[in-house]
Protein backbone atom coordinates (compact mmCIF):
# COMPACT_ATOMS: atom_id res chain seq x y z
CA MET A 1 -3.95 9.57 -27.37
CA LYS A 2 -1.27 11.50 -29.24
CA ILE A 3 0.06 14.80 -27.88
CA ASN A 4 1.99 17.26 -30.01
CA PRO A 5 5.57 17.14 -28.66
CA VAL A 6 6.17 20.74 -29.77
CA ALA A 7 5.36 23.24 -27.03
CA PHE A 8 5.88 26.36 -29.14
CA SER A 9 8.16 27.82 -31.81
CA ILE A 10 10.58 30.73 -31.67
CA PHE A 11 11.83 32.18 -34.96
CA GLY A 12 10.91 28.94 -36.69
CA ILE A 13 12.69 26.74 -34.14
CA ASP A 14 10.45 24.17 -32.44
CA ILE A 15 10.76 24.04 -28.64
CA MET A 16 9.82 20.58 -27.43
CA TRP A 17 7.77 19.85 -24.33
CA TYR A 18 10.49 17.39 -23.30
CA GLY A 19 13.02 20.21 -23.02
CA VAL A 20 10.55 22.59 -21.38
CA LEU A 21 9.76 20.07 -18.64
CA ILE A 22 13.43 19.32 -18.04
CA ALA A 23 14.08 23.06 -17.71
CA ILE A 24 11.21 23.46 -15.23
CA GLY A 25 12.41 20.48 -13.20
CA ALA A 26 16.00 21.76 -13.15
CA SER A 27 14.87 25.23 -12.06
CA LEU A 28 12.82 23.85 -9.17
CA CYS A 29 15.68 21.57 -8.16
CA ILE A 30 18.02 24.57 -7.99
CA TYR A 31 15.47 26.55 -5.96
CA PHE A 32 14.86 23.89 -3.32
CA ALA A 33 18.51 22.79 -3.21
CA SER A 34 19.53 26.41 -2.58
CA LYS A 35 17.17 26.54 0.40
CA LEU A 36 18.74 23.42 1.86
CA ALA A 37 22.27 24.60 1.09
CA ASP A 38 21.54 27.65 3.23
CA ARG A 39 20.45 25.33 6.02
CA GLU A 40 23.72 23.42 5.62
CA LYS A 41 25.58 26.78 5.93
CA LEU A 42 27.24 26.36 2.54
CA TYR A 43 28.33 29.54 0.80
CA ASP A 44 25.77 31.72 -0.97
CA GLY A 45 25.30 30.72 -4.60
CA VAL A 46 26.92 27.31 -4.27
CA ILE A 47 24.02 25.53 -5.96
CA SER A 48 23.97 28.01 -8.84
CA ASP A 49 27.71 27.49 -9.28
CA LEU A 50 27.27 23.73 -9.25
CA ALA A 51 24.11 23.59 -11.38
CA LEU A 52 25.76 24.62 -14.64
CA TYR A 53 28.22 21.72 -14.49
CA VAL A 54 25.72 19.15 -13.22
CA ILE A 55 23.08 20.01 -15.84
CA LEU A 56 25.55 20.16 -18.74
CA PHE A 57 27.44 16.98 -17.92
CA GLY A 58 24.31 15.27 -16.60
CA VAL A 59 22.56 15.62 -19.97
CA ILE A 60 25.70 14.44 -21.77
CA GLY A 61 25.98 11.46 -19.41
CA ALA A 62 22.30 10.60 -19.78
CA ARG A 63 22.64 10.60 -23.57
CA LEU A 64 25.89 8.60 -23.63
CA TYR A 65 24.41 6.01 -21.27
CA TYR A 66 21.36 5.61 -23.52
CA VAL A 67 23.37 5.46 -26.74
CA ALA A 68 25.86 2.97 -25.28
CA PHE A 69 23.14 0.43 -24.54
CA GLU A 70 21.36 1.08 -27.85
CA TRP A 71 24.54 1.01 -29.91
CA ASP A 72 23.22 -1.60 -32.35
CA TYR A 73 20.76 1.05 -33.51
CA TYR A 74 22.92 4.18 -33.29
CA SER A 75 25.89 2.56 -35.01
CA GLN A 76 23.65 2.45 -38.07
CA HIS A 77 22.17 5.93 -37.49
CA LEU A 78 25.14 8.11 -36.55
CA ASP A 79 23.24 11.23 -37.61
CA GLU A 80 20.93 10.69 -34.61
CA LEU A 81 23.63 10.49 -31.96
CA PHE A 82 22.88 13.97 -30.62
CA ALA A 83 19.16 14.12 -31.46
CA ILE A 84 17.89 14.41 -27.88
CA ARG A 85 14.95 16.70 -28.65
CA ASN A 86 12.60 13.74 -28.96
CA GLY A 87 13.86 11.77 -25.98
CA GLY A 88 16.61 9.22 -25.53
CA LEU A 89 18.01 10.34 -22.17
CA ALA A 90 18.60 7.70 -19.51
CA ILE A 91 18.10 9.18 -16.03
CA TYR A 92 20.58 6.82 -14.42
CA GLY A 93 23.27 8.03 -16.80
CA GLY A 94 22.52 11.58 -15.70
CA ILE A 95 22.49 10.68 -12.00
CA LEU A 96 25.77 8.76 -12.11
CA THR A 97 27.49 11.50 -14.13
CA GLY A 98 26.05 14.12 -11.77
CA MET A 99 27.54 12.29 -8.78
CA VAL A 100 30.98 12.37 -10.36
CA VAL A 101 30.64 16.08 -11.15
CA LEU A 102 29.42 16.73 -7.60
CA TYR A 103 32.40 14.88 -6.13
CA VAL A 104 34.90 16.83 -8.27
CA PHE A 105 33.17 20.13 -7.47
CA ALA A 106 33.23 19.39 -3.74
CA ARG A 107 36.94 18.52 -3.85
CA VAL A 108 37.85 21.65 -5.82
CA LYS A 109 35.76 23.92 -3.58
CA LYS A 110 36.84 22.06 -0.41
CA LEU A 111 33.22 21.36 0.57
CA SER A 112 31.53 18.31 2.03
CA PHE A 113 30.30 16.02 -0.77
CA PHE A 114 27.60 14.63 1.49
CA LYS A 115 26.30 18.02 2.60
CA LEU A 116 25.92 18.97 -1.06
CA ALA A 117 24.36 15.61 -1.92
CA ASP A 118 21.83 15.98 0.92
CA ALA A 119 20.88 19.45 -0.31
CA LEU A 120 20.42 18.24 -3.88
CA ALA A 121 18.62 14.92 -3.36
CA PRO A 122 15.06 16.15 -2.66
CA GLY A 123 15.08 18.63 -5.55
CA LEU A 124 16.56 16.00 -7.86
CA ALA A 125 13.65 13.69 -7.09
CA LEU A 126 11.18 16.49 -7.88
CA ALA A 127 12.94 17.24 -11.17
CA GLN A 128 12.75 13.58 -12.12
CA GLY A 129 9.04 13.52 -11.36
CA ILE A 130 8.41 16.50 -13.62
CA GLY A 131 10.67 15.23 -16.38
CA ARG A 132 8.78 11.94 -16.60
CA TRP A 133 5.84 13.79 -18.12
CA GLY A 134 8.08 14.45 -21.09
CA ASN A 135 8.14 10.68 -21.58
CA PHE A 136 4.34 10.69 -21.63
CA ILE A 137 4.23 13.40 -24.29
CA ASN A 138 6.77 11.51 -26.40
CA GLY A 139 4.84 8.25 -26.00
CA GLU A 140 7.78 6.48 -24.34
CA ALA A 141 8.70 4.87 -21.01
CA HIS A 142 5.41 2.98 -20.75
CA GLY A 143 4.71 -0.55 -19.63
CA GLY A 144 3.10 -3.64 -21.07
CA GLU A 145 -0.58 -4.27 -21.68
CA THR A 146 -2.98 -4.09 -18.75
CA THR A 147 -6.71 -3.89 -18.04
CA LEU A 148 -6.30 -1.63 -15.02
CA PRO A 149 -8.67 1.37 -15.04
CA TRP A 150 -5.78 3.90 -15.17
CA ALA A 151 -4.18 2.33 -18.25
CA ILE A 152 -3.29 4.65 -21.12
CA GLU A 153 -3.54 3.98 -24.84
CA VAL A 154 -0.31 3.72 -26.82
CA ASP A 155 -0.33 2.50 -30.41
CA GLY A 156 -3.81 1.08 -29.99
CA MET A 157 -3.00 -0.87 -26.81
CA MET A 158 -3.91 -0.15 -23.18
CA VAL A 159 -0.67 -0.19 -21.21
CA HIS A 160 0.77 0.58 -17.77
CA PRO A 161 1.58 4.32 -17.43
CA THR A 162 4.96 3.59 -15.89
CA PHE A 163 6.00 7.21 -16.45
CA LEU A 164 3.15 8.13 -14.06
CA TYR A 165 4.15 5.51 -11.50
CA GLU A 166 7.65 6.93 -11.37
CA SER A 167 6.43 10.53 -11.35
CA ILE A 168 4.29 9.76 -8.28
CA LEU A 169 7.23 7.95 -6.67
CA ASP A 170 9.61 10.85 -7.34
CA VAL A 171 7.28 13.59 -6.09
CA GLY A 172 6.54 11.46 -3.02
CA ILE A 173 10.28 11.14 -2.34
CA PHE A 174 10.67 14.91 -2.63
CA LEU A 175 7.82 15.61 -0.18
CA PHE A 176 9.08 13.01 2.27
CA LEU A 177 12.73 14.09 2.24
CA TYR A 178 12.25 17.85 2.03
CA PHE A 179 9.36 18.43 4.41
CA TYR A 180 9.72 15.52 6.85
CA MET A 181 13.12 13.83 6.92
CA TYR A 182 15.46 16.81 6.55
CA LYS A 183 14.65 18.10 10.03
CA LYS A 184 15.39 14.59 11.34
CA LYS A 185 18.72 14.31 9.55
CA LYS A 186 21.25 12.50 11.75
CA PHE A 187 24.46 12.70 9.71
CA ASP A 188 25.81 14.19 6.50
CA GLY A 189 24.70 11.89 3.71
CA HIS A 190 21.55 10.72 5.52
CA ILE A 191 19.10 12.32 3.07
CA PHE A 192 21.18 11.26 0.08
CA SER A 193 21.26 7.68 1.38
CA LEU A 194 17.50 7.59 1.81
CA TYR A 195 17.06 8.90 -1.71
CA LEU A 196 19.27 6.11 -3.08
CA ILE A 197 17.36 3.44 -1.18
CA ILE A 198 13.79 4.61 -1.79
CA TYR A 199 14.31 5.54 -5.42
CA GLY A 200 16.29 2.36 -6.04
CA ILE A 201 13.49 0.16 -4.67
CA GLY A 202 10.78 2.01 -6.57
CA ARG A 203 12.68 2.13 -9.84
CA PHE A 204 13.56 -1.57 -9.61
CA LEU A 205 9.88 -2.50 -9.33
CA ILE A 206 8.66 -0.05 -11.97
CA GLU A 207 11.37 -1.04 -14.42
CA GLY A 208 10.05 -4.58 -14.37
CA LEU A 209 6.83 -3.34 -15.99
CA ARG A 210 8.47 -1.37 -18.82
CA THR A 211 8.75 -2.56 -22.39
CA ASP A 212 11.60 -0.26 -23.46
CA SER A 213 14.25 -1.15 -20.90
CA LEU A 214 17.93 -1.08 -21.80
CA TYR A 215 19.50 -4.53 -21.45
CA PHE A 216 22.91 -6.01 -20.78
CA GLY A 217 22.46 -9.58 -21.95
CA PRO A 218 19.30 -10.86 -20.23
CA PHE A 219 19.42 -8.25 -17.45
CA ARG A 220 17.69 -4.88 -17.31
CA ILE A 221 20.43 -2.31 -16.79
CA SER A 222 18.27 -0.01 -14.68
CA GLN A 223 17.42 -2.82 -12.27
CA ILE A 224 21.10 -3.64 -11.83
CA VAL A 225 21.92 0.03 -11.15
CA SER A 226 18.94 0.24 -8.77
CA LEU A 227 20.31 -2.64 -6.71
CA VAL A 228 23.76 -1.04 -6.59
CA LEU A 229 22.40 2.33 -5.45
CA MET A 230 20.21 0.67 -2.83
CA ALA A 231 23.26 -1.20 -1.52
CA VAL A 232 25.31 2.02 -1.37
CA GLY A 233 22.54 3.78 0.55
CA ILE A 234 22.20 0.93 3.04
CA VAL A 235 25.97 0.77 3.59
CA LEU A 236 26.16 4.52 4.20
CA ILE A 237 23.37 4.42 6.78
CA HIS A 238 24.80 1.34 8.52
CA LYS A 239 28.31 2.83 8.59
CA ASN A 240 27.14 6.10 10.11
CA ARG A 241 24.89 4.42 12.67
CA SER A 242 27.78 2.27 13.85
CA THR A 243 30.06 5.31 14.28
CA ASN A 244 27.53 7.54 16.08
């Protein structure tokens, strides 16, 4: 099944579904993060102030991450370095860059990094879940062949809809963290830590099914990053439990 990647056109310029879904996800992330920032008693408009930097540098980081691990291709196609309209953004590149931006923003504004990270984590998961449907429309981020009843057809083959698996995972993380765990939060960074652990586990497993993974030698980069994020989340929770 082939879906037209163009959502609509404005003055002859094609607007891609990929970009529309990213914009929707980012908007919802800002909305829910703002609600939680109010609960954290951060200043009014803090998420709006932060969002511009996180989105801008997050997209740049996601593209650079993808290009870096596909350099054999892009070194021969330099004209495509910035052609992100049809995909080619690595979410882990965006997340890691976003963390750096968040840390710098918190230091400059003299705010708690972990309070901000807690406020952002649930909405970030929701945005990821929405953005994955852009992968479906572009016919990317799918798995290998399968006979499961929910398989999708790509290039004449029935394959795992890994974009769907991650979308379900991400939306589930959002619902769990936002509606259940936030009221049980025990320390600053608790929600952020849970996001790192749950997403890391889920992404590690889902990545093993994909056929378009980025590699470093024989290793899938996303699985390595997943393990690192899981470890960071576990350390943060253990450290705060031992000090409380």
